[in-house]
C-alpha atoms as a PDB file:
ATOM      1  CA  UNK A   1      19.872 -30.357  23.256  1.00  0.00           C
ATOM      2  CA  UNK A   2      20.868 -28.745  19.963  1.00  0.00           C
ATOM      3  CA  UNK A   3      18.049 -28.909  17.403  1.00  0.00           C
ATOM      4  CA  UNK A   4      19.180 -28.970  13.778  1.00  0.00           C
ATOM      5  CA  UNK A   5      17.275 -29.210  10.515  1.00  0.00           C
ATOM      6  CA  UNK A   6      19.313 -30.643   7.642  1.00  0.00           C
ATOM      7  CA  UNK A   7      17.632 -29.719   4.372  1.00  0.00           C
ATOM      8  CA  UNK A   8      18.901 -31.846   1.508  1.00  0.00           C
ATOM      9  CA  UNK A   9      20.270 -35.370   1.924  1.00  0.00           C
ATOM     10  CA  UNK A  10      22.877 -35.800  -0.778  1.00  0.00           C
ATOM     11  CA  UNK A  11      26.272 -37.133   0.285  1.00  0.00           C
ATOM     12  CA  UNK A  12      27.111 -33.940   2.153  1.00  0.00           C
ATOM     13  CA  UNK A  13      23.742 -33.497   3.861  1.00  0.00           C
ATOM     14  CA  UNK A  14      23.554 -37.168   4.797  1.00  0.00           C
ATOM     15  CA  UNK A  15      27.019 -37.060   6.366  1.00  0.00           C
ATOM     16  CA  UNK A  16      26.169 -33.904   8.333  1.00  0.00           C
ATOM     17  CA  UNK A  17      22.879 -35.325   9.600  1.00  0.00           C
ATOM     18  CA  UNK A  18      24.416 -38.654  10.617  1.00  0.00           C
ATOM     19  CA  UNK A  19      27.344 -37.060  12.448  1.00  0.00           C
ATOM     20  CA  UNK A  20      25.170 -34.502  14.234  1.00  0.00           C
ATOM     21  CA  UNK A  21      22.903 -37.270  15.400  1.00  0.00           C
ATOM     22  CA  UNK A  22      25.875 -39.342  16.576  1.00  0.00           C
ATOM     23  CA  UNK A  23      27.093 -36.364  18.595  1.00  0.00           C
ATOM     24  CA  UNK A  24      23.769 -36.052  20.372  1.00  0.00           C
ATOM     25  CA  UNK A  25      21.911 -33.379  18.400  1.00  0.00           C
ATOM     26  CA  UNK A  26      18.202 -33.694  17.681  1.00  0.00           C
ATOM     27  CA  UNK A  27      18.148 -33.830  13.892  1.00  0.00           C
ATOM     28  CA  UNK A  28      15.261 -33.271  11.496  1.00  0.00           C
ATOM     29  CA  UNK A  29      16.370 -34.569   8.083  1.00  0.00           C
ATOM     30  CA  UNK A  30      14.441 -33.321   5.048  1.00  0.00           C
ATOM     31  CA  UNK A  31      14.534 -34.288   1.381  1.00  0.00           C
ATOM     32  CA  UNK A  32      12.081 -34.778  -1.473  1.00  0.00           C
ATOM     33  CA  UNK A  33      13.459 -38.260  -2.145  1.00  0.00           C
ATOM     34  CA  UNK A  34      11.553 -40.989  -0.332  1.00  0.00           C
ATOM     35  CA  UNK A  35      14.506 -43.341  -0.812  1.00  0.00           C
ATOM     36  CA  UNK A  36      16.923 -40.981   0.950  1.00  0.00           C
ATOM     37  CA  UNK A  37      14.432 -40.426   3.775  1.00  0.00           C
ATOM     38  CA  UNK A  38      14.025 -44.169   4.300  1.00  0.00           C
ATOM     39  CA  UNK A  39      17.785 -44.685   4.368  1.00  0.00           C
ATOM     40  CA  UNK A  40      18.367 -42.150   7.132  1.00  0.00           C
ATOM     41  CA  UNK A  41      15.167 -42.432   9.171  1.00  0.00           C
ATOM     42  CA  UNK A  42      16.569 -44.903  11.701  1.00  0.00           C
ATOM     43  CA  UNK A  43      19.606 -42.713  12.422  1.00  0.00           C
ATOM     44  CA  UNK A  44      17.997 -39.336  13.170  1.00  0.00           C
ATOM     45  CA  UNK A  45      15.259 -38.071  15.470  1.00  0.00           C
ATOM     46  CA  UNK A  46      12.924 -37.309  12.563  1.00  0.00           C
ATOM     47  CA  UNK A  47      13.051 -37.660   8.784  1.00  0.00           C
ATOM     48  CA  UNK A  48      10.430 -36.148   6.495  1.00  0.00           C
ATOM     49  CA  UNK A  49       9.943 -36.081   2.751  1.00  0.00           C
ATOM     50  CA  UNK A  50       8.732 -32.755   1.379  1.00  0.00           C
ATOM     51  CA  UNK A  51       9.790 -29.874  -0.834  1.00  0.00           C
ATOM     52  CA  UNK A  52      11.737 -27.498   1.415  1.00  0.00           C
ATOM     53  CA  UNK A  53      11.301 -24.626  -1.048  1.00  0.00           C
ATOM     54  CA  UNK A  54       7.655 -24.400   0.025  1.00  0.00           C
ATOM     55  CA  UNK A  55       7.507 -21.888   2.924  1.00  0.00           C
ATOM     56  CA  UNK A  56       4.218 -23.251   4.291  1.00  0.00           C
ATOM     57  CA  UNK A  57       5.668 -26.750   4.543  1.00  0.00           C
ATOM     58  CA  UNK A  58       8.780 -25.452   6.286  1.00  0.00           C
ATOM     59  CA  UNK A  59       6.694 -23.513   8.785  1.00  0.00           C
ATOM     60  CA  UNK A  60       4.362 -26.449   9.490  1.00  0.00           C
ATOM     61  CA  UNK A  61       7.354 -28.667  10.385  1.00  0.00           C
ATOM     62  CA  UNK A  62       8.582 -26.184  13.001  1.00  0.00           C
ATOM     63  CA  UNK A  63      11.743 -25.136  11.189  1.00  0.00           C
ATOM     64  CA  UNK A  64      11.562 -21.726  12.856  1.00  0.00           C
ATOM     65  CA  UNK A  65      12.050 -23.383  16.264  1.00  0.00           C
ATOM     66  CA  UNK A  66      15.344 -24.990  15.254  1.00  0.00           C
ATOM     67  CA  UNK A  67      18.664 -23.768  16.645  1.00  0.00           C
ATOM     68  CA  UNK A  68      20.378 -24.357  13.313  1.00  0.00           C
ATOM     69  CA  UNK A  69      19.310 -25.049   9.743  1.00  0.00           C
ATOM     70  CA  UNK A  70      21.836 -26.612   7.367  1.00  0.00           C
ATOM     71  CA  UNK A  71      20.907 -25.940   3.751  1.00  0.00           C
ATOM     72  CA  UNK A  72      22.670 -28.831   2.025  1.00  0.00           C
ATOM     73  CA  UNK A  73      20.904 -28.776  -1.341  1.00  0.00           C
ATOM     74  CA  UNK A  74      23.247 -30.107  -4.011  1.00  0.00           C
ATOM     75  CA  UNK A  75      23.068 -28.819  -7.577  1.00  0.00           C
ATOM     76  CA  UNK A  76      19.885 -26.739  -7.464  1.00  0.00           C
ATOM     77  CA  UNK A  77      21.281 -23.376  -6.404  1.00  0.00           C
ATOM     78  CA  UNK A  78      17.969 -21.553  -6.843  1.00  0.00           C
ATOM     79  CA  UNK A  79      16.399 -23.933  -4.326  1.00  0.00           C
ATOM     80  CA  UNK A  80      19.289 -23.350  -1.933  1.00  0.00           C
ATOM     81  CA  UNK A  81      18.759 -19.590  -2.095  1.00  0.00           C
ATOM     82  CA  UNK A  82      14.988 -19.901  -1.529  1.00  0.00           C
ATOM     83  CA  UNK A  83      15.395 -22.259   1.422  1.00  0.00           C
ATOM     84  CA  UNK A  84      18.078 -20.098   3.033  1.00  0.00           C
ATOM     85  CA  UNK A  85      15.915 -16.990   2.730  1.00  0.00           C
ATOM     86  CA  UNK A  86      12.834 -18.755   4.085  1.00  0.00           C
ATOM     87  CA  UNK A  87      14.702 -20.213   7.054  1.00  0.00           C
ATOM     88  CA  UNK A  88      15.802 -16.712   8.076  1.00  0.00           C
ATOM     89  CA  UNK A  89      12.283 -15.394   7.544  1.00  0.00           C
ATOM     90  CA  UNK A  90      10.974 -18.095   9.868  1.00  0.00           C
ATOM     91  CA  UNK A  91      13.435 -16.969  12.535  1.00  0.00           C
ATOM     92  CA  UNK A  92      16.145 -19.647  12.502  1.00  0.00           C
ATOM     93  CA  UNK A  93      19.038 -17.956  14.364  1.00  0.00           C
ATOM     94  CA  UNK A  94      21.843 -19.826  12.623  1.00  0.00           C
ATOM     95  CA  UNK A  95      21.563 -20.814   8.956  1.00  0.00           C
ATOM     96  CA  UNK A  96      24.471 -22.653   7.382  1.00  0.00           C
ATOM     97  CA  UNK A  97      24.401 -22.981   3.596  1.00  0.00           C
ATOM     98  CA  UNK A  98      26.495 -24.944   1.135  1.00  0.00           C
ATOM     99  CA  UNK A  99      28.060 -23.196  -1.848  1.00  0.00           C
ATOM    100  CA  UNK A 100      30.088 -24.473  -4.777  1.00  0.00           C
ATOM    101  CA  UNK A 101      31.972 -21.272  -5.547  1.00  0.00           C
ATOM    102  CA  UNK A 102      32.556 -17.690  -4.278  1.00  0.00           C
ATOM    103  CA  UNK A 103      29.747 -16.297  -6.439  1.00  0.00           C
ATOM    104  CA  UNK A 104      27.217 -18.604  -4.790  1.00  0.00           C
ATOM    105  CA  UNK A 105      28.644 -17.745  -1.382  1.00  0.00           C
ATOM    106  CA  UNK A 106      28.089 -14.016  -2.018  1.00  0.00           C
ATOM    107  CA  UNK A 107      24.455 -14.572  -3.013  1.00  0.00           C
ATOM    108  CA  UNK A 108      23.726 -16.830  -0.025  1.00  0.00           C
ATOM    109  CA  UNK A 109      25.161 -14.274   2.376  1.00  0.00           C
ATOM    110  CA  UNK A 110      23.016 -11.544   0.820  1.00  0.00           C
ATOM    111  CA  UNK A 111      19.822 -13.553   1.422  1.00  0.00           C
ATOM    112  CA  UNK A 112      20.718 -14.153   5.065  1.00  0.00           C
ATOM    113  CA  UNK A 113      23.056 -17.136   5.443  1.00  0.00           C
ATOM    114  CA  UNK A 114      25.008 -16.785   8.697  1.00  0.00           C
ATOM    115  CA  UNK A 115      27.712 -19.195   7.555  1.00  0.00           C
ATOM    116  CA  UNK A 116      28.599 -20.474   4.098  1.00  0.00           C
ATOM    117  CA  UNK A 117      30.786 -23.509   3.538  1.00  0.00           C
ATOM    118  CA  UNK A 118      32.381 -24.781   0.357  1.00  0.00           C
ATOM    119  CA  UNK A 119      33.108 -28.421   1.297  1.00  0.00           C
ATOM    120  CA  UNK A 120      35.567 -29.372  -1.433  1.00  0.00           C
ATOM    121  CA  UNK A 121      37.476 -26.085  -1.292  1.00  0.00           C
ATOM    122  CA  UNK A 122      37.571 -26.046   2.514  1.00  0.00           C
ATOM    123  CA  UNK A 123      38.806 -29.640   2.688  1.00  0.00           C
ATOM    124  CA  UNK A 124      41.393 -28.938   0.013  1.00  0.00           C
ATOM    125  CA  UNK A 125      42.747 -25.955   1.964  1.00  0.00           C
ATOM    126  CA  UNK A 126      42.900 -27.978   5.172  1.00  0.00           C
ATOM    127  CA  UNK A 127      44.775 -30.798   3.472  1.00  0.00           C
ATOM    128  CA  UNK A 128      47.240 -28.385   1.840  1.00  0.00           C
ATOM    129  CA  UNK A 129      47.854 -26.580   5.137  1.00  0.00           C
ATOM    130  CA  UNK A 130      48.565 -29.782   6.982  1.00  0.00           C
ATOM    131  CA  UNK A 131      50.842 -31.116   4.262  1.00  0.00           C
ATOM    132  CA  UNK A 132      52.864 -27.892   4.235  1.00  0.00           C
ATOM    133  CA  UNK A 133      53.067 -27.831   8.028  1.00  0.00           C
ATOM    134  CA  UNK A 134      53.906 -31.547   8.153  1.00  0.00           C
ATOM    135  CA  UNK A 135      50.956 -32.042  10.458  1.00  0.00           C
ATOM    136  CA  UNK A 136      48.290 -34.716  10.194  1.00  0.00           C
ATOM    137  CA  UNK A 137      46.570 -34.127  13.528  1.00  0.00           C
ATOM    138  CA  UNK A 138      43.133 -33.522  11.956  1.00  0.00           C
ATOM    139  CA  UNK A 139      43.410 -36.804  10.102  1.00  0.00           C
ATOM    140  CA  UNK A 140      44.266 -38.921  13.131  1.00  0.00           C
ATOM    141  CA  UNK A 141      41.349 -40.901  14.476  1.00  0.00           C
ATOM    142  CA  UNK A 142      40.806 -39.906  18.107  1.00  0.00           C
ATOM    143  CA  UNK A 143      39.308 -42.275  20.696  1.00  0.00           C
ATOM    144  CA  UNK A 144      35.522 -42.505  20.740  1.00  0.00           C
ATOM    145  CA  UNK A 145      34.040 -39.584  22.630  1.00  0.00           C
ATOM    146  CA  UNK A 146      36.935 -37.198  21.908  1.00  0.00           C
ATOM    147  CA  UNK A 147      37.277 -34.572  19.177  1.00  0.00           C
ATOM    148  CA  UNK A 148      39.639 -31.896  17.904  1.00  0.00           C
ATOM    149  CA  UNK A 149      37.932 -28.590  17.097  1.00  0.00           C
ATOM    150  CA  UNK A 150      38.877 -25.024  16.270  1.00  0.00           C
ATOM    151  CA  UNK A 151      36.854 -22.603  18.357  1.00  0.00           C
ATOM    152  CA  UNK A 152      36.709 -18.899  19.072  1.00  0.00           C
ATOM    153  CA  UNK A 153      38.115 -18.165  22.515  1.00  0.00           C
ATOM    154  CA  UNK A 154      35.175 -17.610  24.915  1.00  0.00           C
ATOM    155  CA  UNK A 155      34.819 -14.130  26.368  1.00  0.00           C
ATOM    156  CA  UNK A 156      35.501 -15.400  29.878  1.00  0.00           C
ATOM    157  CA  UNK A 157      38.951 -16.625  28.773  1.00  0.00           C
ATOM    158  CA  UNK A 158      40.004 -13.271  27.313  1.00  0.00           C
ATOM    159  CA  UNK A 159      42.743 -11.562  29.330  1.00  0.00           C
ATOM    160  CA  UNK A 160      43.664 -14.741  31.219  1.00  0.00           C
ATOM    161  CA  UNK A 161      46.760 -16.862  30.865  1.00  0.00           C
ATOM    162  CA  UNK A 162      46.617 -20.562  30.082  1.00  0.00           C
ATOM    163  CA  UNK A 163      48.067 -21.249  33.520  1.00  0.00           C
ATOM    164  CA  UNK A 164      45.170 -19.370  35.130  1.00  0.00           C
ATOM    165  CA  UNK A 165      42.577 -21.222  33.061  1.00  0.00           C
ATOM    166  CA  UNK A 166      43.857 -24.691  34.026  1.00  0.00           C
ATOM    167  CA  UNK A 167      42.013 -26.195  31.067  1.00  0.00           C
ATOM    168  CA  UNK A 168      43.420 -29.686  31.376  1.00  0.00           C
ATOM    169  CA  UNK A 169      42.818 -30.109  35.091  1.00  0.00           C
ATOM    170  CA  UNK A 170      39.490 -28.260  35.233  1.00  0.00           C
ATOM    171  CA  UNK A 171      37.871 -29.239  31.921  1.00  0.00           C
ATOM    172  CA  UNK A 172      39.920 -32.188  30.639  1.00  0.00           C
ATOM    173  CA  UNK A 173      40.609 -30.035  27.585  1.00  0.00           C
ATOM    174  CA  UNK A 174      44.022 -29.706  25.964  1.00  0.00           C
ATOM    175  CA  UNK A 175      44.817 -26.533  24.003  1.00  0.00           C
ATOM    176  CA  UNK A 176      47.301 -27.373  21.249  1.00  0.00           C
ATOM    177  CA  UNK A 177      47.432 -24.146  19.243  1.00  0.00           C
ATOM    178  CA  UNK A 178      46.323 -20.504  19.352  1.00  0.00           C
ATOM    179  CA  UNK A 179      45.611 -18.642  16.104  1.00  0.00           C
ATOM    180  CA  UNK A 180      45.631 -14.854  16.363  1.00  0.00           C
ATOM    181  CA  UNK A 181      43.951 -13.107  13.391  1.00  0.00           C
ATOM    182  CA  UNK A 182      45.448  -9.935  11.966  1.00  0.00           C
ATOM    183  CA  UNK A 183      43.669  -6.926  13.559  1.00  0.00           C
ATOM    184  CA  UNK A 184      41.192  -5.269  11.209  1.00  0.00           C
ATOM    185  CA  UNK A 185      42.803  -1.938  12.071  1.00  0.00           C
ATOM    186  CA  UNK A 186      46.217  -3.087  10.824  1.00  0.00           C
ATOM    187  CA  UNK A 187      47.369  -0.943   7.940  1.00  0.00           C
ATOM    188  CA  UNK A 188      48.217  -2.676   4.701  1.00  0.00           C
ATOM    189  CA  UNK A 189      50.245  -1.000   2.003  1.00  0.00           C
ATOM    190  CA  UNK A 190      48.979  -1.254  -1.549  1.00  0.00           C
ATOM    191  CA  UNK A 191      50.494  -4.258  -3.276  1.00  0.00           C
ATOM    192  CA  UNK A 192      51.495  -5.976  -0.014  1.00  0.00           C
ATOM    193  CA  UNK A 193      50.494  -9.647   0.274  1.00  0.00           C
ATOM    194  CA  UNK A 194      47.666 -10.524   2.613  1.00  0.00           C
ATOM    195  CA  UNK A 195      48.926 -10.904   6.173  1.00  0.00           C
ATOM    196  CA  UNK A 196      48.571 -14.363   7.635  1.00  0.00           C
ATOM    197  CA  UNK A 197      47.232 -14.901  11.156  1.00  0.00           C
ATOM    198  CA  UNK A 198      49.858 -15.543  13.815  1.00  0.00           C
ATOM    199  CA  UNK A 199      50.054 -19.131  15.052  1.00  0.00           C
ATOM    200  CA  UNK A 200      51.283 -20.299  18.458  1.00  0.00           C
ATOM    201  CA  UNK A 201      51.610 -24.102  18.538  1.00  0.00           C
ATOM    202  CA  UNK A 202      51.809 -25.676  22.003  1.00  0.00           C
ATOM    203  CA  UNK A 203      51.679 -22.286  23.777  1.00  0.00           C
ATOM    204  CA  UNK A 204      53.284 -21.867  27.196  1.00  0.00           C
ATOM    205  CA  UNK A 205      51.278 -21.344  30.366  1.00  0.00           C
ATOM    206  CA  UNK A 206      52.102 -17.633  30.510  1.00  0.00           C
ATOM    207  CA  UNK A 207      50.381 -16.907  27.181  1.00  0.00           C
ATOM    208  CA  UNK A 208      47.484 -14.490  27.669  1.00  0.00           C
ATOM    209  CA  UNK A 209      44.496 -14.983  25.371  1.00  0.00           C
ATOM    210  CA  UNK A 210      43.105 -12.030  23.451  1.00  0.00           C
ATOM    211  CA  UNK A 211      39.794 -11.010  21.917  1.00  0.00           C
ATOM    212  CA  UNK A 212      39.145 -12.844  18.599  1.00  0.00           C
ATOM    213  CA  UNK A 213      41.805 -15.507  19.236  1.00  0.00           C
ATOM    214  CA  UNK A 214      41.005 -18.963  17.890  1.00  0.00           C
ATOM    215  CA  UNK A 215      42.063 -22.126  19.675  1.00  0.00           C
ATOM    216  CA  UNK A 216      42.630 -25.689  18.499  1.00  0.00           C
ATOM    217  CA  UNK A 217      41.585 -27.894  21.389  1.00  0.00           C
ATOM    218  CA  UNK A 218      41.181 -31.598  22.077  1.00  0.00           C
ATOM    219  CA  UNK A 219      38.618 -32.716  24.599  1.00  0.00           C
ATOM    220  CA  UNK A 220      35.606 -34.882  25.274  1.00  0.00           C
ATOM    221  CA  UNK A 221      32.596 -34.335  23.035  1.00  0.00           C
ATOM    222  CA  UNK A 222      30.529 -33.557  26.138  1.00  0.00           C
ATOM    223  CA  UNK A 223      32.805 -30.681  27.166  1.00  0.00           C
ATOM    224  CA  UNK A 224      33.343 -29.341  23.653  1.00  0.00           C
ATOM    225  CA  UNK A 225      29.589 -29.065  23.070  1.00  0.00           C
ATOM    226  CA  UNK A 226      29.476 -26.316  25.675  1.00  0.00           C
ATOM    227  CA  UNK A 227      31.717 -24.166  23.471  1.00  0.00           C
ATOM    228  CA  UNK A 228      29.943 -24.669  20.124  1.00  0.00           C
END
Protein backbone atom coordinates (compact mmCIF):
# COMPACT_ATOMS: atom_id res chain seq x y z
CA UNK A 1 0.00 0.00 0.00
CA UNK A 2 1.27 3.45 -0.94
CA UNK A 3 2.17 5.51 2.15
CA UNK A 4 1.84 9.27 1.72
CA UNK A 5 2.37 12.16 4.09
CA UNK A 6 0.42 15.29 3.17
CA UNK A 7 1.97 18.27 4.95
CA UNK A 8 -0.37 21.24 4.97
CA UNK A 9 -4.17 20.96 4.85
CA UNK A 10 -5.38 24.04 3.03
CA UNK A 11 -7.83 23.52 0.18
CA UNK A 12 -5.18 21.90 -2.00
CA UNK A 13 -3.66 19.67 0.68
CA UNK A 14 -7.07 18.62 1.97
CA UNK A 15 -8.21 17.65 -1.53
CA UNK A 16 -5.02 15.65 -2.16
CA UNK A 17 -5.26 13.83 1.17
CA UNK A 18 -8.95 12.99 0.73
CA UNK A 19 -8.52 11.71 -2.83
CA UNK A 20 -5.43 9.66 -1.99
CA UNK A 21 -7.28 8.06 0.86
CA UNK A 22 -10.28 7.33 -1.36
CA UNK A 23 -7.97 5.62 -3.84
CA UNK A 24 -6.59 3.33 -1.17
CA UNK A 25 -3.38 5.04 -0.05
CA UNK A 26 -2.38 5.13 3.61
CA UNK A 27 -2.37 8.85 4.32
CA UNK A 28 -0.78 10.76 7.19
CA UNK A 29 -2.27 14.27 7.17
CA UNK A 30 -0.34 16.98 9.02
CA UNK A 31 -1.16 20.58 9.87
CA UNK A 32 -0.69 22.98 12.78
CA UNK A 33 -4.41 23.77 12.81
CA UNK A 34 -6.37 21.60 15.22
CA UNK A 35 -9.58 22.50 13.37
CA UNK A 36 -8.25 21.22 10.04
CA UNK A 37 -6.96 18.04 11.69
CA UNK A 38 -10.35 17.35 13.27
CA UNK A 39 -12.13 17.89 9.96
CA UNK A 40 -10.04 15.33 8.09
CA UNK A 41 -9.27 12.79 10.81
CA UNK A 42 -12.15 10.46 9.96
CA UNK A 43 -11.16 10.30 6.28
CA UNK A 44 -7.46 9.39 6.48
CA UNK A 45 -5.41 6.71 8.20
CA UNK A 46 -3.80 9.21 10.57
CA UNK A 47 -4.05 12.95 11.19
CA UNK A 48 -1.66 14.81 13.47
CA UNK A 49 -1.31 18.43 14.51
CA UNK A 50 2.27 19.67 14.71
CA UNK A 51 4.68 22.10 13.10
CA UNK A 52 6.17 20.27 10.11
CA UNK A 53 9.10 22.71 9.93
CA UNK A 54 10.53 21.05 13.05
CA UNK A 55 12.85 18.24 11.85
CA UNK A 56 12.65 16.31 15.13
CA UNK A 57 8.86 16.21 14.96
CA UNK A 58 8.96 15.04 11.35
CA UNK A 59 11.41 12.28 12.20
CA UNK A 60 9.44 11.12 15.25
CA UNK A 61 6.30 10.67 13.10
CA UNK A 62 8.12 8.36 10.68
CA UNK A 63 8.08 10.70 7.69
CA UNK A 64 11.29 9.12 6.41
CA UNK A 65 9.46 5.79 5.97
CA UNK A 66 6.85 7.29 3.65
CA UNK A 67 6.81 6.50 -0.07
CA UNK A 68 5.77 10.05 -0.91
CA UNK A 69 5.60 13.37 0.91
CA UNK A 70 3.34 16.09 -0.50
CA UNK A 71 4.41 19.52 0.72
CA UNK A 72 1.14 21.43 0.37
CA UNK A 73 1.91 24.46 2.53
CA UNK A 74 -0.06 27.45 1.26
CA UNK A 75 1.32 30.97 1.57
CA UNK A 76 4.37 30.39 3.78
CA UNK A 77 7.01 29.66 1.15
CA UNK A 78 9.87 29.60 3.66
CA UNK A 79 8.10 26.80 5.52
CA UNK A 80 7.58 24.93 2.25
CA UNK A 81 11.29 25.10 1.48
CA UNK A 82 12.28 23.92 4.98
CA UNK A 83 9.83 21.01 4.93
CA UNK A 84 10.89 19.92 1.44
CA UNK A 85 14.56 19.95 2.42
CA UNK A 86 13.92 18.06 5.65
CA UNK A 87 11.81 15.40 3.94
CA UNK A 88 14.69 14.67 1.55
CA UNK A 89 17.15 14.65 4.44
CA UNK A 90 14.99 12.07 6.20
CA UNK A 91 15.12 9.87 3.10
CA UNK A 92 11.67 10.28 1.52
CA UNK A 93 12.21 8.96 -2.04
CA UNK A 94 9.54 11.09 -3.71
CA UNK A 95 8.83 14.64 -2.51
CA UNK A 96 6.15 16.62 -4.30
CA UNK A 97 5.99 20.33 -3.51
CA UNK A 98 3.50 23.05 -4.36
CA UNK A 99 4.70 26.29 -5.92
CA UNK A 100 2.90 29.48 -6.88
CA UNK A 101 5.28 30.64 -9.59
CA UNK A 102 8.40 29.58 -11.58
CA UNK A 103 10.74 31.28 -9.10
CA UNK A 104 9.39 29.18 -6.24
CA UNK A 105 9.60 26.08 -8.42
CA UNK A 106 13.31 26.71 -9.08
CA UNK A 107 14.07 27.08 -5.37
CA UNK A 108 12.11 23.95 -4.41
CA UNK A 109 13.94 21.89 -7.01
CA UNK A 110 17.29 23.15 -5.71
CA UNK A 111 16.48 21.97 -2.16
CA UNK A 112 15.49 18.51 -3.38
CA UNK A 113 11.88 18.44 -4.58
CA UNK A 114 11.43 15.57 -7.04
CA UNK A 115 8.28 17.07 -8.52
CA UNK A 116 6.88 20.59 -8.33
CA UNK A 117 3.30 21.42 -9.22
CA UNK A 118 1.66 24.79 -9.73
CA UNK A 119 -2.04 23.88 -9.30
CA UNK A 120 -3.69 26.95 -10.80
CA UNK A 121 -1.27 27.22 -13.72
CA UNK A 122 -1.38 23.48 -14.45
CA UNK A 123 -5.19 23.42 -14.38
CA UNK A 124 -5.33 26.50 -16.58
CA UNK A 125 -3.06 24.88 -19.17
CA UNK A 126 -5.11 21.69 -19.14
CA UNK A 127 -8.35 23.60 -19.63
CA UNK A 128 -6.88 25.68 -22.47
CA UNK A 129 -5.50 22.58 -24.20
CA UNK A 130 -8.81 20.79 -24.06
CA UNK A 131 -10.76 23.81 -25.26
CA UNK A 132 -8.43 24.25 -28.23
CA UNK A 133 -8.56 20.55 -29.06
CA UNK A 134 -12.34 20.46 -28.58
CA UNK A 135 -11.87 17.69 -26.06
CA UNK A 136 -13.45 17.44 -22.63
CA UNK A 137 -12.41 13.89 -21.79
CA UNK A 138 -10.61 14.89 -18.56
CA UNK A 139 -13.73 16.67 -17.39
CA UNK A 140 -16.11 13.77 -17.94
CA UNK A 141 -17.00 11.91 -14.79
CA UNK A 142 -16.00 8.27 -15.22
CA UNK A 143 -17.79 5.40 -13.45
CA UNK A 144 -16.70 4.73 -9.87
CA UNK A 145 -13.51 2.70 -9.82
CA UNK A 146 -12.25 3.95 -13.20
CA UNK A 147 -9.81 6.77 -13.97
CA UNK A 148 -8.07 8.49 -16.87
CA UNK A 149 -4.36 9.09 -16.30
CA UNK A 150 -1.31 10.16 -18.26
CA UNK A 151 1.59 7.84 -17.57
CA UNK A 152 5.09 7.21 -18.83
CA UNK A 153 5.19 4.06 -20.94
CA UNK A 154 6.65 1.23 -18.81
CA UNK A 155 9.99 -0.17 -19.92
CA UNK A 156 8.45 -3.55 -20.68
CA UNK A 157 6.15 -1.93 -23.27
CA UNK A 158 8.98 -0.22 -25.16
CA UNK A 159 9.58 -1.71 -28.61
CA UNK A 160 6.22 -3.51 -28.68
CA UNK A 161 3.18 -2.71 -30.75
CA UNK A 162 -0.22 -2.06 -29.22
CA UNK A 163 -1.47 -5.23 -30.88
CA UNK A 164 1.23 -7.24 -29.12
CA UNK A 165 0.45 -5.68 -25.74
CA UNK A 166 -3.27 -6.52 -25.89
CA UNK A 167 -3.96 -3.94 -23.18
CA UNK A 168 -7.73 -4.11 -23.33
CA UNK A 169 -8.03 -7.88 -23.24
CA UNK A 170 -5.16 -8.52 -20.82
CA UNK A 171 -5.42 -5.55 -18.44
CA UNK A 172 -8.85 -4.03 -19.11
CA UNK A 173 -6.97 -0.85 -19.99
CA UNK A 174 -7.78 1.32 -22.99
CA UNK A 175 -5.01 3.47 -24.50
CA UNK A 176 -6.57 6.58 -26.06
CA UNK A 177 -3.52 8.66 -26.96
CA UNK A 178 0.27 8.47 -27.21
CA UNK A 179 2.37 11.61 -26.66
CA UNK A 180 5.91 11.46 -28.02
CA UNK A 181 8.22 14.16 -26.58
CA UNK A 182 10.73 15.90 -28.83
CA UNK A 183 14.11 14.11 -28.48
CA UNK A 184 16.59 16.07 -26.37
CA UNK A 185 19.14 15.57 -29.15
CA UNK A 186 16.93 17.33 -31.71
CA UNK A 187 18.63 20.42 -33.04
CA UNK A 188 16.82 23.71 -32.69
CA UNK A 189 17.78 26.75 -34.70
CA UNK A 190 18.09 30.04 -32.86
CA UNK A 191 14.80 31.91 -32.95
CA UNK A 192 12.74 28.81 -33.82
CA UNK A 193 9.63 28.26 -31.67
CA UNK A 194 9.71 25.47 -29.14
CA UNK A 195 8.81 22.15 -30.76
CA UNK A 196 5.64 20.56 -29.48
CA UNK A 197 5.48 16.85 -28.63
CA UNK A 198 3.89 14.65 -31.27
CA UNK A 199 0.42 13.36 -30.42
CA UNK A 200 -1.21 10.18 -31.72
CA UNK A 201 -4.90 10.05 -30.72
CA UNK A 202 -6.55 6.62 -30.93
CA UNK A 203 -3.38 4.94 -32.27
CA UNK A 204 -3.65 1.85 -34.46
CA UNK A 205 -2.57 -1.59 -33.30
CA UNK A 206 0.63 -1.50 -35.36
CA UNK A 207 2.01 1.52 -33.48
CA UNK A 208 5.26 0.62 -31.71
CA UNK A 209 5.89 2.39 -28.40
CA UNK A 210 9.20 4.13 -27.82
CA UNK A 211 11.35 5.12 -24.86
CA UNK A 212 9.96 8.24 -23.08
CA UNK A 213 6.52 7.98 -24.73
CA UNK A 214 3.60 9.08 -22.58
CA UNK A 215 0.21 7.41 -22.76
CA UNK A 216 -3.30 8.56 -21.87
CA UNK A 217 -5.10 5.48 -20.62
CA UNK A 218 -8.45 4.64 -19.08
CA UNK A 219 -8.70 1.70 -16.74
CA UNK A 220 -9.72 0.48 -13.32
CA UNK A 221 -8.10 2.21 -10.36
CA UNK A 222 -6.76 -1.17 -9.22
CA UNK A 223 -4.88 -1.73 -12.49
CA UNK A 224 -3.69 1.85 -12.87
CA UNK A 225 -2.12 1.82 -9.40
CA UNK A 226 0.41 -0.69 -10.67
CA UNK A 227 1.73 1.91 -13.12
CA UNK A 228 1.97 4.90 -10.76
